[in-house]
PDB file of N, CA and C in Angstrom:
ATOM      1  N   MET A   1      30.470  -3.194  -7.995  1.00  0.00           N
ATOM      2  CA  MET A   1      31.153  -2.418  -9.012  1.00  0.00           C
ATOM      3  C   MET A   1      30.767  -0.945  -8.856  1.00  0.00           C
ATOM      4  N   ARG A   2      31.742  -0.085  -8.848  1.00  0.00           N
ATOM      5  CA  ARG A   2      31.490   1.344  -8.729  1.00  0.00           C
ATOM      6  C   ARG A   2      31.443   1.952 -10.127  1.00  0.00           C
ATOM      7  N   HIS A   3      30.562   2.939 -10.269  1.00  0.00           N
ATOM      8  CA  HIS A   3      30.417   3.623 -11.551  1.00  0.00           C
ATOM      9  C   HIS A   3      30.730   5.100 -11.360  1.00  0.00           C
ATOM     10  N   SER A   4      31.333   5.697 -12.382  1.00  0.00           N
ATOM     11  CA  SER A   4      31.637   7.123 -12.330  1.00  0.00           C
ATOM     12  C   SER A   4      30.342   7.924 -12.460  1.00  0.00           C
ATOM     13  N   LYS A   5      30.421   9.212 -12.138  1.00  0.00           N
ATOM     14  CA  LYS A   5      29.253  10.091 -12.283  1.00  0.00           C
ATOM     15  C   LYS A   5      28.783  10.128 -13.733  1.00  0.00           C
ATOM     16  N   GLU A   6      29.740  10.107 -14.647  1.00  0.00           N
ATOM     17  CA  GLU A   6      29.396  10.139 -16.077  1.00  0.00           C
ATOM     18  C   GLU A   6      28.648   8.879 -16.493  1.00  0.00           C
ATOM     19  N   GLU A   7      29.121   7.730 -15.990  1.00  0.00           N
ATOM     20  CA  GLU A   7      28.439   6.464 -16.310  1.00  0.00           C
ATOM     21  C   GLU A   7      27.020   6.448 -15.746  1.00  0.00           C
ATOM     22  N   LYS A   8      26.886   6.896 -14.501  1.00  0.00           N
ATOM     23  CA  LYS A   8      25.550   6.938 -13.887  1.00  0.00           C
ATOM     24  C   LYS A   8      24.625   7.843 -14.694  1.00  0.00           C
ATOM     25  N   ALA A   9      25.137   9.005 -15.099  1.00  0.00           N
ATOM     26  CA  ALA A   9      24.327   9.936 -15.880  1.00  0.00           C
ATOM     27  C   ALA A   9      23.888   9.304 -17.192  1.00  0.00           C
ATOM     28  N   MET A  10      24.790   8.551 -17.830  1.00  0.00           N
ATOM     29  CA  MET A  10      24.460   7.883 -19.089  1.00  0.00           C
ATOM     30  C   MET A  10      23.363   6.845 -18.871  1.00  0.00           C
ATOM     31  N   TRP A  11      23.506   6.024 -17.814  1.00  0.00           N
ATOM     32  CA  TRP A  11      22.509   4.989 -17.527  1.00  0.00           C
ATOM     33  C   TRP A  11      21.166   5.616 -17.165  1.00  0.00           C
ATOM     34  N   LEU A  12      21.194   6.688 -16.387  1.00  0.00           N
ATOM     35  CA  LEU A  12      19.942   7.339 -15.990  1.00  0.00           C
ATOM     36  C   LEU A  12      19.232   7.949 -17.190  1.00  0.00           C
ATOM     37  N   GLU A  13      19.982   8.531 -18.105  1.00  0.00           N
ATOM     38  CA  GLU A  13      19.369   9.094 -19.307  1.00  0.00           C
ATOM     39  C   GLU A  13      18.759   7.986 -20.166  1.00  0.00           C
ATOM     40  N   ASP A  14      19.478   6.888 -20.306  1.00  0.00           N
ATOM     41  CA  ASP A  14      18.958   5.754 -21.078  1.00  0.00           C
ATOM     42  C   ASP A  14      17.684   5.204 -20.428  1.00  0.00           C
ATOM     43  N   TRP A  15      17.683   5.135 -19.098  1.00  0.00           N
ATOM     44  CA  TRP A  15      16.494   4.669 -18.366  1.00  0.00           C
ATOM     45  C   TRP A  15      15.304   5.593 -18.617  1.00  0.00           C
ATOM     46  N   ARG A  16      15.511   6.914 -18.514  1.00  0.00           N
ATOM     47  CA  ARG A  16      14.413   7.867 -18.736  1.00  0.00           C
ATOM     48  C   ARG A  16      13.814   7.690 -20.135  1.00  0.00           C
ATOM     49  N   GLN A  17      14.654   7.495 -21.111  1.00  0.00           N
ATOM     50  CA  GLN A  17      14.182   7.336 -22.485  1.00  0.00           C
ATOM     51  C   GLN A  17      13.486   5.994 -22.707  1.00  0.00           C
ATOM     52  N   SER A  18      13.788   5.020 -21.852  1.00  0.00           N
ATOM     53  CA  SER A  18      13.199   3.687 -22.026  1.00  0.00           C
ATOM     54  C   SER A  18      11.716   3.645 -21.670  1.00  0.00           C
ATOM     55  N   GLY A  19      11.276   4.529 -20.769  1.00  0.00           N
ATOM     56  CA  GLY A  19       9.890   4.525 -20.329  1.00  0.00           C
ATOM     57  C   GLY A  19       9.574   3.407 -19.345  1.00  0.00           C
ATOM     58  N   LYS A  20      10.587   2.683 -18.909  1.00  0.00           N
ATOM     59  CA  LYS A  20      10.396   1.568 -17.972  1.00  0.00           C
ATOM     60  C   LYS A  20      10.541   2.040 -16.535  1.00  0.00           C
ATOM     61  N   SER A  21      10.017   1.233 -15.618  1.00  0.00           N
ATOM     62  CA  SER A  21      10.237   1.545 -14.203  1.00  0.00           C
ATOM     63  C   SER A  21      11.724   1.361 -13.908  1.00  0.00           C
ATOM     64  N   ALA A  22      12.206   2.045 -12.892  1.00  0.00           N
ATOM     65  CA  ALA A  22      13.618   1.929 -12.523  1.00  0.00           C
ATOM     66  C   ALA A  22      13.952   0.485 -12.170  1.00  0.00           C
ATOM     67  N   TRP A  23      13.023  -0.175 -11.494  1.00  0.00           N
ATOM     68  CA  TRP A  23      13.237  -1.562 -11.068  1.00  0.00           C
ATOM     69  C   TRP A  23      13.414  -2.475 -12.285  1.00  0.00           C
ATOM     70  N   ALA A  24      12.495  -2.377 -13.248  1.00  0.00           N
ATOM     71  CA  ALA A  24      12.554  -3.229 -14.439  1.00  0.00           C
ATOM     72  C   ALA A  24      13.807  -2.933 -15.260  1.00  0.00           C
ATOM     73  N   TYR A  25      14.118  -1.666 -15.426  1.00  0.00           N
ATOM     74  CA  TYR A  25      15.303  -1.276 -16.203  1.00  0.00           C
ATOM     75  C   TYR A  25      16.569  -1.846 -15.558  1.00  0.00           C
ATOM     76  N   ALA A  26      16.660  -1.719 -14.239  1.00  0.00           N
ATOM     77  CA  ALA A  26      17.843  -2.213 -13.528  1.00  0.00           C
ATOM     78  C   ALA A  26      18.016  -3.710 -13.738  1.00  0.00           C
ATOM     79  N   LYS A  27      16.936  -4.460 -13.588  1.00  0.00           N
ATOM     80  CA  LYS A  27      17.026  -5.915 -13.745  1.00  0.00           C
ATOM     81  C   LYS A  27      17.441  -6.297 -15.166  1.00  0.00           C
ATOM     82  N   GLU A  28      16.901  -5.601 -16.157  1.00  0.00           N
ATOM     83  CA  GLU A  28      17.222  -5.904 -17.554  1.00  0.00           C
ATOM     84  C   GLU A  28      18.668  -5.568 -17.910  1.00  0.00           C
ATOM     85  N   ASN A  29      19.270  -4.632 -17.166  1.00  0.00           N
ATOM     86  CA  ASN A  29      20.621  -4.182 -17.488  1.00  0.00           C
ATOM     87  C   ASN A  29      21.674  -4.639 -16.486  1.00  0.00           C
ATOM     88  N   GLY A  30      21.306  -5.582 -15.625  1.00  0.00           N
ATOM     89  CA  GLY A  30      22.277  -6.193 -14.718  1.00  0.00           C
ATOM     90  C   GLY A  30      22.642  -5.380 -13.489  1.00  0.00           C
ATOM     91  N   PHE A  31      21.818  -4.403 -13.129  1.00  0.00           N
ATOM     92  CA  PHE A  31      22.057  -3.626 -11.910  1.00  0.00           C
ATOM     93  C   PHE A  31      21.272  -4.227 -10.750  1.00  0.00           C
ATOM     94  N   VAL A  32      21.734  -3.986  -9.549  1.00  0.00           N
ATOM     95  CA  VAL A  32      20.944  -4.317  -8.372  1.00  0.00           C
ATOM     96  C   VAL A  32      19.811  -3.288  -8.343  1.00  0.00           C
ATOM     97  N   PRO A  33      18.547  -3.737  -8.412  1.00  0.00           N
ATOM     98  CA  PRO A  33      17.441  -2.777  -8.509  1.00  0.00           C
ATOM     99  C   PRO A  33      17.432  -1.715  -7.408  1.00  0.00           C
ATOM    100  N   GLN A  34      17.709  -2.110  -6.174  1.00  0.00           N
ATOM    101  CA  GLN A  34      17.697  -1.140  -5.076  1.00  0.00           C
ATOM    102  C   GLN A  34      18.745  -0.052  -5.294  1.00  0.00           C
ATOM    103  N   THR A  35      19.896  -0.434  -5.826  1.00  0.00           N
ATOM    104  CA  THR A  35      20.956   0.537  -6.086  1.00  0.00           C
ATOM    105  C   THR A  35      20.537   1.514  -7.179  1.00  0.00           C
ATOM    106  N   PHE A  36      19.944   0.977  -8.248  1.00  0.00           N
ATOM    107  CA  PHE A  36      19.547   1.841  -9.353  1.00  0.00           C
ATOM    108  C   PHE A  36      18.447   2.804  -8.916  1.00  0.00           C
ATOM    109  N   VAL A  37      17.484   2.315  -8.138  1.00  0.00           N
ATOM    110  CA  VAL A  37      16.423   3.190  -7.623  1.00  0.00           C
ATOM    111  C   VAL A  37      17.036   4.285  -6.764  1.00  0.00           C
ATOM    112  N   LYS A  38      18.054   3.932  -5.988  1.00  0.00           N
ATOM    113  CA  LYS A  38      18.750   4.929  -5.164  1.00  0.00           C
ATOM    114  C   LYS A  38      19.379   6.007  -6.045  1.00  0.00           C
ATOM    115  N   TRP A  39      19.965   5.615  -7.160  1.00  0.00           N
ATOM    116  CA  TRP A  39      20.548   6.595  -8.099  1.00  0.00           C
ATOM    117  C   TRP A  39      19.473   7.563  -8.571  1.00  0.00           C
ATOM    118  N   THR A  40      18.291   7.028  -8.926  1.00  0.00           N
ATOM    119  CA  THR A  40      17.232   7.906  -9.442  1.00  0.00           C
ATOM    120  C   THR A  40      16.785   8.890  -8.370  1.00  0.00           C
ATOM    121  N   LYS A  41      16.745   8.441  -7.130  1.00  0.00           N
ATOM    122  CA  LYS A  41      16.328   9.326  -6.039  1.00  0.00           C
ATOM    123  C   LYS A  41      17.395  10.370  -5.736  1.00  0.00           C
ATOM    124  N   GLN A  42      18.650   9.974  -5.821  1.00  0.00           N
ATOM    125  CA  GLN A  42      19.737  10.932  -5.586  1.00  0.00           C
ATOM    126  C   GLN A  42      19.715  12.026  -6.646  1.00  0.00           C
ATOM    127  N   GLU A  43      19.423  11.637  -7.876  1.00  0.00           N
ATOM    128  CA  GLU A  43      19.406  12.601  -8.966  1.00  0.00           C
ATOM    129  C   GLU A  43      18.281  13.618  -8.806  1.00  0.00           C
ATOM    130  N   THR A  44      17.117  13.156  -8.356  1.00  0.00           N
ATOM    131  CA  THR A  44      15.961  14.043  -8.228  1.00  0.00           C
ATOM    132  C   THR A  44      15.905  14.730  -6.870  1.00  0.00           C
ATOM    133  N   GLY A  45      16.769  14.295  -5.932  1.00  0.00           N
ATOM    134  CA  GLY A  45      16.748  14.869  -4.596  1.00  0.00           C
ATOM    135  C   GLY A  45      15.621  14.317  -3.741  1.00  0.00           C
ATOM    136  N   GLU A  46      14.975  13.243  -4.217  1.00  0.00           N
ATOM    137  CA  GLU A  46      13.880  12.640  -3.457  1.00  0.00           C
ATOM    138  C   GLU A  46      14.426  11.998  -2.194  1.00  0.00           C
ATOM    139  N   ALA A  47      13.714  12.177  -1.107  1.00  0.00           N
ATOM    140  CA  ALA A  47      14.130  11.625   0.175  1.00  0.00           C
ATOM    141  C   ALA A  47      14.089  10.100   0.143  1.00  0.00           C
ATOM    142  N   GLU A  48      14.992   9.498   0.887  1.00  0.00           N
ATOM    143  CA  GLU A  48      15.029   8.052   0.990  1.00  0.00           C
ATOM    144  C   GLU A  48      14.661   7.630   2.399  1.00  0.00           C
ATOM    145  N   GLY A  49      14.294   6.383   2.524  1.00  0.00           N
ATOM    146  CA  GLY A  49      14.072   5.807   3.827  1.00  0.00           C
ATOM    147  C   GLY A  49      12.693   6.095   4.383  1.00  0.00           C
ATOM    148  N   PHE A  50      12.591   5.981   5.682  1.00  0.00           N
ATOM    149  CA  PHE A  50      11.324   6.126   6.361  1.00  0.00           C
ATOM    150  C   PHE A  50      11.218   7.494   7.017  1.00  0.00           C
ATOM    151  N   VAL A  51      10.010   7.920   7.237  1.00  0.00           N
ATOM    152  CA  VAL A  51       9.746   9.183   7.903  1.00  0.00           C
ATOM    153  C   VAL A  51       9.137   8.874   9.257  1.00  0.00           C
ATOM    154  N   GLU A  52       9.657   9.479  10.297  1.00  0.00           N
ATOM    155  CA  GLU A  52       9.115   9.254  11.631  1.00  0.00           C
ATOM    156  C   GLU A  52       7.764   9.938  11.752  1.00  0.00           C
ATOM    157  N   ILE A  53       6.806   9.211  12.308  1.00  0.00           N
ATOM    158  CA  ILE A  53       5.476   9.765  12.542  1.00  0.00           C
ATOM    159  C   ILE A  53       5.393  10.117  14.022  1.00  0.00           C
ATOM    160  N   PRO A  54       5.204  11.389  14.332  1.00  0.00           N
ATOM    161  CA  PRO A  54       5.143  11.773  15.750  1.00  0.00           C
ATOM    162  C   PRO A  54       3.919  11.155  16.428  1.00  0.00           C
ATOM    163  N   SER A  55       4.075  10.832  17.697  1.00  0.00           N
ATOM    164  CA  SER A  55       2.976  10.204  18.431  1.00  0.00           C
ATOM    165  C   SER A  55       1.745  11.101  18.469  1.00  0.00           C
ATOM    166  N   THR A  56       1.929  12.403  18.323  1.00  0.00           N
ATOM    167  CA  THR A  56       0.784  13.323  18.335  1.00  0.00           C
ATOM    168  C   THR A  56      -0.084  13.168  17.088  1.00  0.00           C
ATOM    169  N   ALA A  57       0.442  12.501  16.047  1.00  0.00           N
ATOM    170  CA  ALA A  57      -0.326  12.294  14.818  1.00  0.00           C
ATOM    171  C   ALA A  57      -1.303  11.133  14.946  1.00  0.00           C
ATOM    172  N   ILE A  58      -1.153  10.329  15.997  1.00  0.00           N
ATOM    173  CA  ILE A  58      -2.034   9.184  16.208  1.00  0.00           C
ATOM    174  C   ILE A  58      -3.018   9.541  17.316  1.00  0.00           C
ATOM    175  N   PRO A  59      -4.298   9.620  16.976  1.00  0.00           N
ATOM    176  CA  PRO A  59      -5.288   9.990  17.988  1.00  0.00           C
ATOM    177  C   PRO A  59      -5.276   9.002  19.158  1.00  0.00           C
ATOM    178  N   PRO A  60      -5.306   9.520  20.396  1.00  0.00           N
ATOM    179  CA  PRO A  60      -5.274   8.637  21.562  1.00  0.00           C
ATOM    180  C   PRO A  60      -6.562   7.822  21.674  1.00  0.00           C
ATOM    181  N   GLY A  61      -6.414   6.617  22.207  1.00  0.00           N
ATOM    182  CA  GLY A  61      -7.581   5.791  22.496  1.00  0.00           C
ATOM    183  C   GLY A  61      -8.135   5.024  21.311  1.00  0.00           C
ATOM    184  N   GLU A  62      -7.609   5.230  20.117  1.00  0.00           N
ATOM    185  CA  GLU A  62      -8.110   4.491  18.962  1.00  0.00           C
ATOM    186  C   GLU A  62      -7.383   3.156  18.852  1.00  0.00           C
ATOM    187  N   ASN A  63      -8.102   2.146  18.395  1.00  0.00           N
ATOM    188  CA  ASN A  63      -7.525   0.820  18.220  1.00  0.00           C
ATOM    189  C   ASN A  63      -6.917   0.745  16.816  1.00  0.00           C
ATOM    190  N   HIS A  64      -5.610   0.702  16.726  1.00  0.00           N
ATOM    191  CA  HIS A  64      -4.940   0.721  15.425  1.00  0.00           C
ATOM    192  C   HIS A  64      -4.588  -0.708  15.018  1.00  0.00           C
ATOM    193  N   GLN A  65      -5.419  -1.271  14.166  1.00  0.00           N
ATOM    194  CA  GLN A  65      -5.220  -2.634  13.719  1.00  0.00           C
ATOM    195  C   GLN A  65      -4.607  -2.716  12.330  1.00  0.00           C
ATOM    196  N   GLU A  66      -4.350  -1.570  11.719  1.00  0.00           N
ATOM    197  CA  GLU A  66      -3.768  -1.579  10.388  1.00  0.00           C
ATOM    198  C   GLU A  66      -2.820  -0.417  10.212  1.00  0.00           C
ATOM    199  N   ILE A  67      -2.001  -0.564   9.187  1.00  0.00           N
ATOM    200  CA  ILE A  67      -1.049   0.468   8.796  1.00  0.00           C
ATOM    201  C   ILE A  67      -1.540   1.039   7.481  1.00  0.00           C
ATOM    202  N   CYS A  68      -1.516   2.340   7.331  1.00  0.00           N
ATOM    203  CA  CYS A  68      -1.907   2.968   6.064  1.00  0.00           C
ATOM    204  C   CYS A  68      -0.665   3.620   5.466  1.00  0.00           C
ATOM    205  N   ILE A  69      -0.318   3.192   4.249  1.00  0.00           N
ATOM    206  CA  ILE A  69       0.821   3.759   3.533  1.00  0.00           C
ATOM    207  C   ILE A  69       0.264   4.550   2.362  1.00  0.00           C
ATOM    208  N   GLU A  70       0.719   5.792   2.210  1.00  0.00           N
ATOM    209  CA  GLU A  70       0.252   6.644   1.118  1.00  0.00           C
ATOM    210  C   GLU A  70       1.429   7.035   0.234  1.00  0.00           C
ATOM    211  N   LYS A  71       1.215   6.955  -1.069  1.00  0.00           N
ATOM    212  CA  LYS A  71       2.195   7.433  -2.052  1.00  0.00           C
ATOM    213  C   LYS A  71       1.390   8.126  -3.129  1.00  0.00           C
ATOM    214  N   GLY A  72       1.437   9.445  -3.136  1.00  0.00           N
ATOM    215  CA  GLY A  72       0.603  10.208  -4.066  1.00  0.00           C
ATOM    216  C   GLY A  72      -0.859   9.973  -3.732  1.00  0.00           C
ATOM    217  N   ALA A  73      -1.650   9.612  -4.739  1.00  0.00           N
ATOM    218  CA  ALA A  73      -3.074   9.358  -4.530  1.00  0.00           C
ATOM    219  C   ALA A  73      -3.345   7.924  -4.073  1.00  0.00           C
ATOM    220  N   LEU A  74      -2.318   7.100  -4.031  1.00  0.00           N
ATOM    221  CA  LEU A  74      -2.465   5.698  -3.663  1.00  0.00           C
ATOM    222  C   LEU A  74      -2.448   5.550  -2.144  1.00  0.00           C
ATOM    223  N   LYS A  75      -3.422   4.810  -1.602  1.00  0.00           N
ATOM    224  CA  LYS A  75      -3.456   4.494  -0.174  1.00  0.00           C
ATOM    225  C   LYS A  75      -3.542   2.988  -0.029  1.00  0.00           C
ATOM    226  N   ILE A  76      -2.654   2.434   0.777  1.00  0.00           N
ATOM    227  CA  ILE A  76      -2.646   1.000   1.016  1.00  0.00           C
ATOM    228  C   ILE A  76      -2.844   0.774   2.508  1.00  0.00           C
ATOM    229  N   HIS A  77      -3.852  -0.018   2.841  1.00  0.00           N
ATOM    230  CA  HIS A  77      -4.121  -0.376   4.229  1.00  0.00           C
ATOM    231  C   HIS A  77      -3.613  -1.795   4.450  1.00  0.00           C
ATOM    232  N   ILE A  78      -2.715  -1.953   5.410  1.00  0.00           N
ATOM    233  CA  ILE A  78      -2.057  -3.227   5.660  1.00  0.00           C
ATOM    234  C   ILE A  78      -2.330  -3.635   7.111  1.00  0.00           C
ATOM    235  N   PRO A  79      -2.662  -4.906   7.358  1.00  0.00           N
ATOM    236  CA  PRO A  79      -2.845  -5.343   8.745  1.00  0.00           C
ATOM    237  C   PRO A  79      -1.579  -5.098   9.565  1.00  0.00           C
ATOM    238  N   ALA A  80      -1.734  -4.634  10.781  1.00  0.00           N
ATOM    239  CA  ALA A  80      -0.585  -4.345  11.637  1.00  0.00           C
ATOM    240  C   ALA A  80       0.208  -5.608  11.962  1.00  0.00           C
ATOM    241  N   SER A  81      -0.412  -6.754  11.800  1.00  0.00           N
ATOM    242  CA  SER A  81       0.250  -8.024  12.116  1.00  0.00           C
ATOM    243  C   SER A  81       1.026  -8.597  10.925  1.00  0.00           C
ATOM    244  N   ILE A  82       1.221  -7.819   9.868  1.00  0.00           N
ATOM    245  CA  ILE A  82       1.892  -8.310   8.661  1.00  0.00           C
ATOM    246  C   ILE A  82       3.309  -8.774   8.980  1.00  0.00           C
ATOM    247  N   GLU A  83       3.744  -9.815   8.281  1.00  0.00           N
ATOM    248  CA  GLU A  83       5.110 -10.306   8.438  1.00  0.00           C
ATOM    249  C   GLU A  83       6.083  -9.280   7.847  1.00  0.00           C
ATOM    250  N   MET A  84       7.218  -9.124   8.482  1.00  0.00           N
ATOM    251  CA  MET A  84       8.195  -8.127   8.056  1.00  0.00           C
ATOM    252  C   MET A  84       8.624  -8.332   6.604  1.00  0.00           C
ATOM    253  N   LYS A  85       8.821  -9.573   6.161  1.00  0.00           N
ATOM    254  CA  LYS A  85       9.254  -9.852   4.789  1.00  0.00           C
ATOM    255  C   LYS A  85       8.215  -9.346   3.791  1.00  0.00           C
ATOM    256  N   LYS A  86       6.938  -9.538   4.081  1.00  0.00           N
ATOM    257  CA  LYS A  86       5.884  -9.070   3.192  1.00  0.00           C
ATOM    258  C   LYS A  86       5.851  -7.533   3.158  1.00  0.00           C
ATOM    259  N   LEU A  87       6.038  -6.910   4.315  1.00  0.00           N
ATOM    260  CA  LEU A  87       6.062  -5.447   4.360  1.00  0.00           C
ATOM    261  C   LEU A  87       7.247  -4.911   3.556  1.00  0.00           C
ATOM    262  N   GLN A  88       8.395  -5.567   3.642  1.00  0.00           N
ATOM    263  CA  GLN A  88       9.567  -5.149   2.877  1.00  0.00           C
ATOM    264  C   GLN A  88       9.305  -5.249   1.376  1.00  0.00           C
ATOM    265  N   THR A  89       8.599  -6.290   0.961  1.00  0.00           N
ATOM    266  CA  THR A  89       8.262  -6.455  -0.452  1.00  0.00           C
ATOM    267  C   THR A  89       7.362  -5.312  -0.915  1.00  0.00           C
ATOM    268  N   ILE A  90       6.361  -4.978  -0.123  1.00  0.00           N
ATOM    269  CA  ILE A  90       5.462  -3.888  -0.451  1.00  0.00           C
ATOM    270  C   ILE A  90       6.228  -2.576  -0.566  1.00  0.00           C
ATOM    271  N   MET A  91       7.132  -2.328   0.378  1.00  0.00           N
ATOM    272  CA  MET A  91       7.908  -1.085   0.365  1.00  0.00           C
ATOM    273  C   MET A  91       8.832  -1.032  -0.853  1.00  0.00           C
ATOM    274  N   ALA A  92       9.391  -2.169  -1.258  1.00  0.00           N
ATOM    275  CA  ALA A  92      10.265  -2.195  -2.430  1.00  0.00           C
ATOM    276  C   ALA A  92       9.470  -1.845  -3.693  1.00  0.00           C
ATOM    277  N   VAL A  93       8.261  -2.390  -3.808  1.00  0.00           N
ATOM    278  CA  VAL A  93       7.420  -2.102  -4.974  1.00  0.00           C
ATOM    279  C   VAL A  93       7.048  -0.621  -4.989  1.00  0.00           C
ATOM    280  N   LEU A  94       6.685  -0.087  -3.844  1.00  0.00           N
ATOM    281  CA  LEU A  94       6.338   1.345  -3.774  1.00  0.00           C
ATOM    282  C   LEU A  94       7.550   2.201  -4.124  1.00  0.00           C
ATOM    283  N   GLY A  95       8.728   1.749  -3.732  1.00  0.00           N
ATOM    284  CA  GLY A  95       9.952   2.494  -4.027  1.00  0.00           C
ATOM    285  C   GLY A  95      10.251   2.605  -5.508  1.00  0.00           C
ATOM    286  N   GLU A  96       9.783   1.635  -6.290  1.00  0.00           N
ATOM    287  CA  GLU A  96      10.034   1.698  -7.730  1.00  0.00           C
ATOM    288  C   GLU A  96       8.979   2.478  -8.483  1.00  0.00           C
ATOM    289  N   MET A  97       7.896   2.849  -7.820  1.00  0.00           N
ATOM    290  CA  MET A  97       6.840   3.605  -8.482  1.00  0.00           C
ATOM    291  C   MET A  97       7.310   5.044  -8.710  1.00  0.00           C
ATOM    292  N   GLN A  98       6.983   5.581  -9.841  1.00  0.00           N
ATOM    293  CA  GLN A  98       7.370   6.957 -10.163  1.00  0.00           C
ATOM    294  C   GLN A  98       6.221   7.887  -9.940  1.00  0.00           C
TER     295      GLN A  98
END
């Protein structure tokens, strides 16, 4: 279902006033959570997706057995052997954090 800009603005304002995470608000109001989170990012101009890490950022010769994901002051160290489905779940949760 497509929503007009006015409808999106109304839903986003209601969400802001609710004090809930975008993910929780979307589920409670029948939206696909990923879509609603995308709306919030579009409104704030926040970048979406992944950022490429240049190979020069990884020191040569080090044994990299884990992945470190940072969001603000939060740092998560994940084993490099993690299953893709579990990594996707982690990324979805981080995406809903404000």
